[in-house]
């Protein structure tokens, strides 16, 4: 029995060619040796050129999203699987979250991951099989936010009874704003409206709506806010299904009414808002419904109060009629008339007494007024001013006379003083002689001796003299002076 191990390793010789054909030229026995990288590159080139773009249907498994943004997963069916990768640029365009067990339809191209020698599908597009991508994203976000308790009724806040300032977040070009303003102006004209315009569809609309909700929350004294837009397709309303809008509504410090689309349209914003309105017009009616309720309640209370007053009045009137009809009250009308006349007399007497009292008080008031006028300070001050003016004139005249008399007396005394003044005597040629230290006047020649120094005061100036000789002529000594024939020595 022959086995594979009995055969030689070399290839067997080819059979002889048929008659009429030439044997091919003998090729040299050469081997083509490839590296692993070359072989893998050839396989990759063959796969990419042979298949091109393919659509693959399968179930996602082993799904992992790396921090670089790349998405790795496997597509499988009942009997096979293939690895797949989705780069960051394509993964961030997905409208739903990929997760294990999700049946999808993938579009991409085949390639080989050379470091591991594995072939894989490089996906460029994913869509859920059997349901739209937006619906899958909607359901996934709805389940996640509901799991966090953002849809719970206990978290939602009641609307204010009578809001004074109402915020509106919508587009300026849409019909929703006109409908809201029209309803509010008609039913609540004294409301203060704060409008924050925003885009409500298209790329970047969700972030713009979230910023608008936060801006409305920062406006002081806003009591409630309406966030919404008019009807449209699912794509038009999709901005209100974004998570950033839902988080902004939940974090708003004021109650939010969601009014997106028509009554059949539901968005994530409707579930997280404090109240959902089927249309923007309905949202405006809900805001002012409390006012209507209060007005209706006040009207009902007014009607009940009027009815109760009428009923009580009729009961009292019936009671009075019943009392009047009794026998004991037969003369009640006459007695009432007598009491009326007595009351009229008392009233007349009281009026007369009051009039007399008022006349007496008026006379007293007139007397007091006359007394006060007599003691009026303005009159007294005028009289006192006149007296002061007269006194001032008399005093001025007396002072002038006294001043003239004093001046005359002063002049007479000055003349007498000048007549008695030693200076006047000196002016007539006399002099005064002092001792050397000017402590005493020399009145006699006996008071000085030869050689003493004396000072002689003249009408103009002084002379210092030395005594040469003294002579006594009796009771009246002669005072030496520079003009005397006595020899003297002058210093100064």
Protein backbone atom coordinates (compact mmCIF):
# COMPACT_ATOMS: atom_id res chain seq x y z
CA UNK A 1 0.00 0.00 0.00
CA UNK A 2 1.44 3.33 -0.99
CA UNK A 3 1.14 6.33 1.26
CA UNK A 4 1.93 9.97 0.85
CA UNK A 5 5.15 9.48 2.79
CA UNK A 6 6.39 7.00 0.13
CA UNK A 7 6.19 9.59 -2.65
CA UNK A 8 9.21 11.75 -3.46
CA UNK A 9 9.20 15.43 -2.57
CA UNK A 10 9.95 16.49 -6.16
CA UNK A 11 7.16 17.04 -8.64
CA UNK A 12 6.51 14.05 -10.98
CA UNK A 13 7.66 14.28 -14.55
CA UNK A 14 5.00 15.42 -16.98
CA UNK A 15 3.62 12.96 -19.49
CA UNK A 16 4.85 12.95 -22.98
CA UNK A 17 3.11 15.50 -25.16
CA UNK A 18 0.76 14.25 -27.81
CA UNK A 19 2.06 13.58 -31.29
CA UNK A 20 2.51 16.66 -33.35
CA UNK A 21 3.29 18.93 -30.42
CA UNK A 22 6.68 20.08 -29.39
CA UNK A 23 7.93 19.52 -25.88
CA UNK A 24 8.24 22.88 -24.12
CA UNK A 25 11.65 24.11 -23.39
CA UNK A 26 13.00 22.87 -20.12
CA UNK A 27 12.67 25.70 -17.49
CA UNK A 28 15.27 25.91 -14.85
CA UNK A 29 14.05 24.77 -11.42
CA UNK A 30 13.75 28.32 -9.72
CA UNK A 31 11.73 29.20 -6.57
CA UNK A 32 9.93 32.52 -5.91
CA UNK A 33 10.33 33.30 -2.21
CA UNK A 34 8.01 35.92 -0.66
CA UNK A 35 8.21 37.55 2.73
CA UNK A 36 5.18 37.56 4.95
CA UNK A 37 4.73 41.28 4.39
CA UNK A 38 4.88 40.85 0.60
CA UNK A 39 2.44 37.98 0.62
CA UNK A 40 0.07 39.92 2.88
CA UNK A 41 0.33 42.99 0.64
CA UNK A 42 -0.45 40.84 -2.43
CA UNK A 43 -3.46 39.37 -0.70
CA UNK A 44 -4.64 42.84 0.32
CA UNK A 45 -4.26 44.18 -3.21
CA UNK A 46 -6.11 41.17 -4.62
CA UNK A 47 -8.99 41.57 -2.16
CA UNK A 48 -9.36 45.31 -2.65
CA UNK A 49 -9.24 45.06 -6.45
CA UNK A 50 -11.52 42.05 -6.67
CA UNK A 51 -14.36 43.08 -4.37
CA UNK A 52 -14.38 46.89 -4.28
CA UNK A 53 -17.38 48.33 -2.42
CA UNK A 54 -19.67 45.72 -0.84
CA UNK A 55 -22.85 45.71 1.27
CA UNK A 56 -22.87 43.23 4.14
CA UNK A 57 -25.80 42.34 6.37
CA UNK A 58 -25.16 40.89 9.80
CA UNK A 59 -25.40 41.17 13.56
CA UNK A 60 -22.96 43.31 15.55
CA UNK A 61 -20.86 41.58 18.21
CA UNK A 62 -17.74 42.48 20.25
CA UNK A 63 -18.41 46.16 19.67
CA UNK A 64 -15.75 48.48 21.15
CA UNK A 65 -15.32 52.24 20.80
CA UNK A 66 -11.75 53.38 21.39
CA UNK A 67 -10.78 56.73 22.89
CA UNK A 68 -9.37 57.69 19.47
CA UNK A 69 -12.90 57.59 18.04
CA UNK A 70 -12.41 54.39 16.00
CA UNK A 71 -15.13 51.73 16.21
CA UNK A 72 -14.21 48.02 16.17
CA UNK A 73 -16.81 45.25 15.92
CA UNK A 74 -17.63 41.96 14.18
CA UNK A 75 -20.46 41.13 11.77
CA UNK A 76 -21.82 37.62 12.07
CA UNK A 77 -24.64 35.40 10.96
CA UNK A 78 -25.54 31.79 11.76
CA UNK A 79 -22.35 30.25 10.36
CA UNK A 80 -19.65 32.91 9.87
CA UNK A 81 -18.28 36.23 11.03
CA UNK A 82 -15.99 38.97 9.74
CA UNK A 83 -14.11 41.65 11.61
CA UNK A 84 -14.98 45.25 10.82
CA UNK A 85 -13.60 48.67 11.62
CA UNK A 86 -15.05 52.14 11.27
CA UNK A 87 -12.76 55.14 11.34
CA UNK A 88 -13.46 58.24 13.41
CA UNK A 89 -14.59 60.42 10.48
CA UNK A 90 -17.30 57.91 9.56
CA UNK A 91 -18.21 56.84 13.14
CA UNK A 92 -19.13 60.34 14.31
CA UNK A 93 -21.77 60.66 11.57
CA UNK A 94 -23.80 57.80 13.05
CA UNK A 95 -27.21 58.81 14.32
CA UNK A 96 -27.47 55.81 16.66
CA UNK A 97 -25.27 54.00 19.14
CA UNK A 98 -23.79 50.70 17.96
CA UNK A 99 -24.24 47.87 20.44
CA UNK A 100 -24.00 44.08 20.47
CA UNK A 101 -26.99 42.25 18.99
CA UNK A 102 -28.02 45.08 16.65
CA UNK A 103 -28.83 43.85 13.11
CA UNK A 104 -27.30 46.28 10.61
CA UNK A 105 -26.52 46.75 6.96
CA UNK A 106 -22.90 47.83 6.40
CA UNK A 107 -21.33 49.42 3.34
CA UNK A 108 -17.56 49.33 2.93
CA UNK A 109 -14.57 47.69 1.28
CA UNK A 110 -12.52 44.61 2.07
CA UNK A 111 -8.96 45.05 3.25
CA UNK A 112 -6.29 43.24 5.21
CA UNK A 113 -4.91 44.30 8.57
CA UNK A 114 -1.29 43.45 7.86
CA UNK A 115 0.13 43.35 11.44
CA UNK A 116 -2.18 40.44 12.26
CA UNK A 117 -2.78 39.04 8.80
CA UNK A 118 -6.53 39.33 9.20
CA UNK A 119 -8.92 40.47 6.57
CA UNK A 120 -11.58 42.94 7.67
CA UNK A 121 -14.37 45.13 6.40
CA UNK A 122 -13.61 48.87 6.51
CA UNK A 123 -17.11 50.31 7.01
CA UNK A 124 -18.06 53.69 5.66
CA UNK A 125 -21.79 53.54 6.41
CA UNK A 126 -24.05 51.70 8.86
CA UNK A 127 -27.81 51.61 9.05
CA UNK A 128 -30.08 49.45 11.19
CA UNK A 129 -31.75 46.70 9.25
CA UNK A 130 -35.53 46.84 9.41
CA UNK A 131 -35.69 50.25 11.25
CA UNK A 132 -34.23 53.69 10.54
CA UNK A 133 -31.05 54.91 12.16
CA UNK A 134 -32.80 57.93 13.63
CA UNK A 135 -35.44 55.74 15.22
CA UNK A 136 -32.75 53.55 16.77
CA UNK A 137 -30.94 56.61 18.11
CA UNK A 138 -34.24 57.96 19.42
CA UNK A 139 -35.04 54.72 21.27
CA UNK A 140 -31.52 54.39 22.66
CA UNK A 141 -31.43 57.96 24.02
CA UNK A 142 -34.97 57.58 25.36
CA UNK A 143 -34.05 54.43 27.29
CA UNK A 144 -30.89 55.98 28.68
CA UNK A 145 -32.52 59.23 29.85
CA UNK A 146 -35.46 57.31 31.27
CA UNK A 147 -33.02 55.13 33.20
CA UNK A 148 -31.52 58.30 34.70
CA UNK A 149 -34.97 59.36 35.91
CA UNK A 150 -35.27 62.44 33.69
CA UNK A 151 -38.78 61.42 32.57
CA UNK A 152 -40.09 60.96 36.12
CA UNK A 153 -43.16 62.98 37.03
CA UNK A 154 -41.76 63.64 40.51
CA UNK A 155 -38.91 65.65 38.94
CA UNK A 156 -41.17 67.91 36.88
CA UNK A 157 -42.20 71.28 38.26
CA UNK A 158 -45.71 72.79 38.27
CA UNK A 159 -46.40 75.84 36.14
CA UNK A 160 -46.84 79.22 37.89
CA UNK A 161 -50.40 80.31 38.49
CA UNK A 162 -50.17 83.77 36.86
CA UNK A 163 -46.83 84.21 35.05
CA UNK A 164 -45.82 87.82 34.58
CA UNK A 165 -42.79 87.22 32.33
CA UNK A 166 -42.91 84.43 29.70
CA UNK A 167 -39.86 83.26 27.75
CA UNK A 168 -40.11 81.95 24.17
CA UNK A 169 -37.37 79.91 22.43
CA UNK A 170 -38.09 79.42 18.74
CA UNK A 171 -37.29 80.73 15.27
CA UNK A 172 -38.22 84.28 14.29
CA UNK A 173 -39.19 83.14 10.78
CA UNK A 174 -41.50 80.30 11.82
CA UNK A 175 -45.26 80.37 12.21
CA UNK A 176 -44.95 79.02 15.77
CA UNK A 177 -43.83 82.41 17.14
CA UNK A 178 -46.71 84.23 15.47
CA UNK A 179 -49.21 81.72 16.83
CA UNK A 180 -47.85 81.96 20.38
CA UNK A 181 -47.78 85.77 20.39
CA UNK A 182 -51.26 85.96 18.89
CA UNK A 183 -52.78 83.71 21.56
CA UNK A 184 -50.97 85.45 24.44
CA UNK A 185 -51.90 88.95 23.25
CA UNK A 186 -55.52 87.93 22.90
CA UNK A 187 -55.90 86.10 26.20
CA UNK A 188 -53.20 87.68 28.40
CA UNK A 189 -52.32 91.15 27.02
CA UNK A 190 -50.45 92.30 30.14
CA UNK A 191 -47.89 89.48 29.97
CA UNK A 192 -44.23 90.42 29.40
CA UNK A 193 -42.72 88.32 26.58
CA UNK A 194 -38.97 87.59 26.32
CA UNK A 195 -38.09 86.08 22.91
CA UNK A 196 -34.77 84.29 22.38
CA UNK A 197 -34.47 83.52 18.63
CA UNK A 198 -32.73 80.31 17.61
CA UNK A 199 -32.40 77.89 14.72
CA UNK A 200 -34.76 74.94 15.00
CA UNK A 201 -33.46 72.64 12.24
CA UNK A 202 -30.31 71.88 10.35
CA UNK A 203 -26.70 71.32 11.35
CA UNK A 204 -25.83 72.88 14.72
CA UNK A 205 -29.45 73.66 15.58
CA UNK A 206 -29.39 71.46 18.70
CA UNK A 207 -26.47 73.37 20.25
CA UNK A 208 -28.15 76.68 19.38
CA UNK A 209 -31.40 75.57 21.06
CA UNK A 210 -29.50 74.47 24.18
CA UNK A 211 -27.75 77.86 24.38
CA UNK A 212 -31.07 79.65 23.97
CA UNK A 213 -32.64 77.63 26.82
CA UNK A 214 -29.72 78.51 29.09
CA UNK A 215 -29.95 82.20 28.11
CA UNK A 216 -33.67 82.30 28.94
CA UNK A 217 -32.92 80.73 32.31
CA UNK A 218 -30.49 83.55 33.12
CA UNK A 219 -33.06 86.31 32.45
CA UNK A 220 -34.32 87.64 35.78
CA UNK A 221 -37.94 87.06 36.83
CA UNK A 222 -38.85 84.73 33.93
CA UNK A 223 -41.65 82.52 35.33
CA UNK A 224 -42.08 79.98 32.51
CA UNK A 225 -40.60 79.31 29.04
CA UNK A 226 -42.01 77.79 25.84
CA UNK A 227 -39.54 75.83 23.66
CA UNK A 228 -40.69 74.56 20.29
CA UNK A 229 -41.42 74.96 16.62
CA UNK A 230 -44.07 74.16 14.03
CA UNK A 231 -44.63 70.85 12.30
CA UNK A 232 -42.26 69.13 9.89
CA UNK A 233 -40.64 65.84 8.97
CA UNK A 234 -38.66 63.68 11.35
CA UNK A 235 -35.46 65.22 10.01
CA UNK A 236 -36.82 68.75 10.57
CA UNK A 237 -37.73 67.96 14.19
CA UNK A 238 -34.58 65.98 14.94
CA UNK A 239 -32.78 68.84 16.74
CA UNK A 240 -35.24 68.39 19.63
CA UNK A 241 -34.19 64.72 19.91
CA UNK A 242 -30.57 65.57 20.68
CA UNK A 243 -29.17 64.89 24.14
CA UNK A 244 -27.70 68.39 24.53
CA UNK A 245 -31.20 69.90 24.22
CA UNK A 246 -32.63 67.43 26.73
CA UNK A 247 -29.88 68.19 29.25
CA UNK A 248 -30.40 71.95 28.84
CA UNK A 249 -34.15 71.61 29.47
CA UNK A 250 -33.56 69.51 32.58
CA UNK A 251 -31.01 72.02 33.94
CA UNK A 252 -33.25 75.05 33.29
CA UNK A 253 -34.13 76.96 36.49
CA UNK A 254 -37.60 77.82 35.15
CA UNK A 255 -40.39 75.40 34.11
CA UNK A 256 -40.27 74.47 30.41
CA UNK A 257 -43.22 73.75 28.13
CA UNK A 258 -42.27 71.69 25.06
CA UNK A 259 -44.30 72.54 21.95
CA UNK A 260 -42.69 70.72 19.03
CA UNK A 261 -44.56 69.89 15.83
CA UNK A 262 -48.12 68.64 15.78
CA UNK A 263 -50.08 66.51 18.23
CA UNK A 264 -48.81 63.23 16.73
CA UNK A 265 -45.13 64.25 16.92
CA UNK A 266 -43.14 63.20 19.98
CA UNK A 267 -39.55 64.19 20.71
CA UNK A 268 -37.11 63.69 23.56
CA UNK A 269 -37.74 67.30 24.55
CA UNK A 270 -41.40 66.41 25.16
CA UNK A 271 -40.44 63.69 27.65
CA UNK A 272 -37.95 65.75 29.69
CA UNK A 273 -39.93 69.01 29.70
CA UNK A 274 -42.09 69.90 32.67
CA UNK A 275 -45.14 69.86 30.40
CA UNK A 276 -45.80 68.86 26.79
CA UNK A 277 -48.11 70.86 24.55
CA UNK A 278 -49.41 69.30 21.31
CA UNK A 279 -48.85 72.54 19.34
CA UNK A 280 -47.27 75.98 19.95
CA UNK A 281 -50.74 77.57 20.11
CA UNK A 282 -51.78 75.02 22.70
CA UNK A 283 -48.67 75.86 24.72
CA UNK A 284 -49.71 79.52 24.83
CA UNK A 285 -53.20 78.52 25.91
CA UNK A 286 -51.77 76.29 28.66
CA UNK A 287 -49.66 79.19 29.98
CA UNK A 288 -52.73 81.41 30.41
CA UNK A 289 -55.17 78.63 31.32
CA UNK A 290 -54.62 79.31 35.01
CA UNK A 291 -55.67 82.92 34.48
CA UNK A 292 -58.89 81.77 32.85
CA UNK A 293 -59.45 79.31 35.68
CA UNK A 294 -58.97 82.05 38.28
CA UNK A 295 -61.33 84.39 36.45
CA UNK A 296 -63.96 81.68 36.11
CA UNK A 297 -63.53 80.75 39.78
CA UNK A 298 -63.95 84.40 40.84
CA UNK A 299 -67.06 84.71 38.67
CA UNK A 300 -68.53 81.56 40.23
CA UNK A 301 -67.79 82.89 43.72
CA UNK A 302 -69.42 86.23 42.80
CA UNK A 303 -72.53 84.47 41.55
CA UNK A 304 -72.69 82.28 44.66
CA UNK A 305 -72.26 85.33 46.91
CA UNK A 306 -75.00 87.25 45.08
CA UNK A 307 -77.34 84.25 45.28
CA UNK A 308 -76.64 83.82 48.99
CA UNK A 309 -77.26 87.52 49.63
CA UNK A 310 -80.56 87.37 47.73
CA UNK A 311 -81.62 84.27 49.63
CA UNK A 312 -80.72 85.80 53.01
CA UNK A 313 -82.52 89.05 52.11
CA UNK A 314 -85.66 87.20 51.06
CA UNK A 315 -85.58 85.17 54.28
CA UNK A 316 -85.19 88.31 56.39
CA UNK A 317 -87.98 90.07 54.45
CA UNK A 318 -90.27 87.09 54.96
CA UNK A 319 -89.45 87.07 58.68
CA UNK A 320 -90.30 90.77 58.97
CA UNK A 321 -93.60 90.27 57.16
CA UNK A 322 -94.41 87.38 59.47
CA UNK A 323 -93.69 89.46 62.55
CA UNK A 324 -95.79 92.36 61.26
CA UNK A 325 -98.72 90.04 60.63
CA UNK A 326 -98.83 88.94 64.27
CA UNK A 327 -101.49 90.38 66.62
CA UNK A 328 -99.00 91.86 69.05
CA UNK A 329 -97.54 94.05 66.31
CA UNK A 330 -100.87 95.51 65.10
CA UNK A 331 -100.07 98.99 66.50
CA UNK A 332 -96.44 98.72 65.58
CA UNK A 333 -96.78 101.18 62.69
CA UNK A 334 -98.37 103.86 64.90
CA UNK A 335 -95.76 103.39 67.58
CA UNK A 336 -93.10 103.55 64.93
CA UNK A 337 -94.57 106.83 63.64
CA UNK A 338 -94.62 108.27 67.17
CA UNK A 339 -91.05 107.24 67.69
CA UNK A 340 -90.22 108.82 64.35
CA UNK A 341 -91.76 112.15 65.39
CA UNK A 342 -89.93 111.97 68.73
CA UNK A 343 -86.69 111.24 66.87
CA UNK A 344 -87.35 114.23 64.57
CA UNK A 345 -87.92 116.51 67.60
CA UNK A 346 -84.75 115.28 69.22
CA UNK A 347 -82.91 115.79 65.99
CA UNK A 348 -84.21 119.38 65.71
CA UNK A 349 -83.28 120.11 69.33
CA UNK A 350 -79.86 118.62 68.81
CA UNK A 351 -79.34 120.72 65.67
CA UNK A 352 -80.40 123.88 67.53
CA UNK A 353 -78.10 123.09 70.45
CA UNK A 354 -75.24 122.44 68.09
CA UNK A 355 -75.94 125.72 66.27
CA UNK A 356 -76.03 127.68 69.56
CA UNK A 357 -72.82 126.05 70.70
CA UNK A 358 -71.16 126.88 67.40
CA UNK A 359 -72.34 130.55 67.59
CA UNK A 360 -71.00 130.83 71.13
CA UNK A 361 -67.69 129.34 70.13
CA UNK A 362 -67.48 131.69 67.13
CA UNK A 363 -68.01 134.74 69.41
CA UNK A 364 -65.29 133.48 71.74
CA UNK A 365 -63.05 132.93 68.76
CA UNK A 366 -63.66 136.52 67.56
CA UNK A 367 -62.72 137.93 70.98
CA UNK A 368 -59.58 135.85 71.12
CA UNK A 369 -58.69 136.95 67.59
CA UNK A 370 -59.05 140.64 68.60
CA UNK A 371 -56.83 140.06 71.63
CA UNK A 372 -54.27 138.30 69.54
CA UNK A 373 -54.32 141.11 66.97
CA UNK A 374 -53.73 143.61 69.79
CA UNK A 375 -50.74 141.57 70.85
CA UNK A 376 -49.55 141.01 67.36
CA UNK A 377 -45.77 140.95 67.36
CA UNK A 378 -45.60 142.61 63.98
CA UNK A 379 -47.40 145.72 65.30
CA UNK A 380 -45.41 145.71 68.51
CA UNK A 381 -42.20 145.35 66.61
CA UNK A 382 -43.16 148.31 64.39
CA UNK A 383 -43.83 150.53 67.42
CA UNK A 384 -40.63 149.43 69.08
CA UNK A 385 -38.74 150.16 65.85
CA UNK A 386 -40.12 153.70 65.74
CA UNK A 387 -39.16 154.26 69.39
CA UNK A 388 -35.70 152.89 68.77
CA UNK A 389 -35.27 155.20 65.77
CA UNK A 390 -36.26 158.28 67.87
CA UNK A 391 -34.02 157.22 70.73
CA UNK A 392 -31.16 156.68 68.32
CA UNK A 393 -31.57 160.23 66.96
CA UNK A 394 -31.61 161.76 70.43
CA UNK A 395 -28.60 159.71 71.49
CA UNK A 396 -26.65 160.74 68.39
CA UNK A 397 -27.36 164.43 69.07
CA UNK A 398 -26.37 164.09 72.76
CA UNK A 399 -23.18 162.27 71.83
CA UNK A 400 -22.32 165.00 69.30
CA UNK A 401 -22.83 167.72 71.93
CA UNK A 402 -20.78 165.83 74.48
CA UNK A 403 -18.04 165.26 71.91
CA UNK A 404 -17.87 168.97 71.01
CA UNK A 405 -17.72 169.97 74.75
CA UNK A 406 -15.02 167.37 75.41
CA UNK A 407 -12.98 168.60 72.44
CA UNK A 408 -13.20 172.21 73.72
CA UNK A 409 -12.18 171.16 77.24
CA UNK A 410 -9.29 169.14 75.83
CA UNK A 411 -8.05 172.10 73.88
CA UNK A 412 -8.17 174.36 76.95
CA UNK A 413 -6.36 171.84 79.08
CA UNK A 414 -3.78 171.31 76.34
CA UNK A 415 -3.16 175.07 76.26
CA UNK A 416 -2.76 175.18 80.03
CA UNK A 417 -0.53 172.13 79.94
CA UNK A 418 1.61 173.69 77.27
CA UNK A 419 1.90 176.82 79.39
CA UNK A 420 3.02 174.76 82.37
CA UNK A 421 5.21 172.31 80.48
CA UNK A 422 8.95 172.31 81.27
CA UNK A 423 9.61 171.91 77.59
CA UNK A 424 8.01 175.26 76.97
CA UNK A 425 10.24 176.79 79.65
CA UNK A 426 13.24 175.16 77.97
CA UNK A 427 12.10 176.62 74.70
CA UNK A 428 12.44 180.11 76.17
CA UNK A 429 16.15 179.50 76.79
CA UNK A 430 16.20 177.81 80.16
CA UNK A 431 17.97 174.49 80.88
CA UNK A 432 17.93 171.66 83.45
CA UNK A 433 21.14 170.41 85.10
CA UNK A 434 21.46 166.78 86.20
CA UNK A 435 24.12 165.04 88.18
CA UNK A 436 26.51 162.63 86.45
CA UNK A 437 24.25 159.53 86.64
CA UNK A 438 21.09 161.53 85.91
CA UNK A 439 19.37 160.44 89.12
CA UNK A 440 18.68 163.96 90.48
CA UNK A 441 18.45 167.56 89.38
CA UNK A 442 21.15 169.97 90.58
CA UNK A 443 19.28 172.85 92.31
CA UNK A 444 22.17 174.45 94.20
CA UNK A 445 25.84 175.06 93.52
CA UNK A 446 26.53 173.42 96.81
CA UNK A 447 25.34 170.11 95.35
CA UNK A 448 28.41 169.85 93.08
CA UNK A 449 32.11 170.33 93.47
CA UNK A 450 35.02 171.17 91.31
CA UNK A 451 35.75 168.35 88.85
CA UNK A 452 32.25 166.82 89.00
CA UNK A 453 30.54 165.85 85.77
CA UNK A 454 27.02 167.28 85.17
CA UNK A 455 24.52 166.91 82.29
CA UNK A 456 22.64 169.94 81.01
CA UNK A 457 19.31 169.36 79.18
CA UNK A 458 18.40 172.07 76.65
CA UNK A 459 15.33 172.63 74.54
CA UNK A 460 17.11 170.78 71.81
CA UNK A 461 19.71 168.20 72.96
CA UNK A 462 21.96 167.76 76.00
CA UNK A 463 25.45 168.95 77.07
CA UNK A 464 27.89 167.09 79.34
CA UNK A 465 29.98 169.58 81.44
CA UNK A 466 32.78 169.39 83.97
CA UNK A 467 32.48 171.72 87.01
CA UNK A 468 35.43 174.10 87.16
CA UNK A 469 34.21 176.34 89.94
CA UNK A 470 31.07 176.95 92.03
CA UNK A 471 29.66 180.22 93.44
CA UNK A 472 26.77 180.57 95.84
CA UNK A 473 24.79 183.85 95.50
CA UNK A 474 22.15 183.36 98.07
CA UNK A 475 18.98 181.42 97.94
CA UNK A 476 18.95 181.19 94.13
CA UNK A 477 22.09 179.42 92.83
CA UNK A 478 23.18 179.93 89.31
CA UNK A 479 23.15 176.78 87.13
CA UNK A 480 26.14 176.56 84.97
CA UNK A 481 25.46 176.31 81.30
CA UNK A 482 27.66 176.28 78.28
CA UNK A 483 26.82 179.94 77.63
CA UNK A 484 28.04 180.95 81.12
CA UNK A 485 31.51 182.59 81.41
CA UNK A 486 32.64 179.61 83.51
CA UNK A 487 35.13 177.46 81.74
CA UNK A 488 33.76 174.05 80.84
CA UNK A 489 34.85 170.90 79.03
CA UNK A 490 32.32 169.50 76.61
CA UNK A 491 31.99 165.76 75.77
CA UNK A 492 29.64 165.01 72.94
